[in-house]
Amino acid sequence: MSHISVVSVFITDLDALAQAVARFPELEFVRNQRNFRSWATEYGRLAGDTPPPEGFTEQDFVNGCAEHVIRVRGNAAAYEIGVARRRAGQPGYVLLCDTWQGGYGLEDVVGAGAWKLAQAHNECWATKCAELEGWNVQRVNVNGGVELHLT
């Protein structure tokens, strides 16, 4: 069954996202690619009991609803993450991925639900915003997480 999910992160800055992807040597950010590898793109339809994410249709995934793609380097079997514009005229982008079977290696890199990628994006975006405001940013690892110290 295909389970297209929306990653819990709000993207407004594609450069911050590309910078976050660059922190993962196993990942590649591919600009201007509409289709991202998933069960739906392999078989031409969604499957299973999970409806498409809000604002998207099954045909969106078959026809290519992404503007950019994040892929695992050297793993042709791994599912990919689609970077698609938010629907209903909302600003920004959403990250879409098929989580079936861990995305055949995708979740090994980005974590379940792509939480590692979401965390890296949020850190890159917050750092960029803070630096634009004139802050010096220091990244500190704390209890398996990250804190940004501003001075």
Foldseek 3Di string as FASTA:
>chain_A
DWAKDWQPAFAQDVVLLQVLQVVFPQKDKFAQDFAWDTPCCVVVFDDDDHADPPQDHRVSRNVGQARIWMDGPPDPQATIWGWHADHPPDHGTIIITTCVVHRNCPCVRQNVSSVNSRLSSVVSVVCVVLVVVPWDWDWDDDPNHIDIDTD
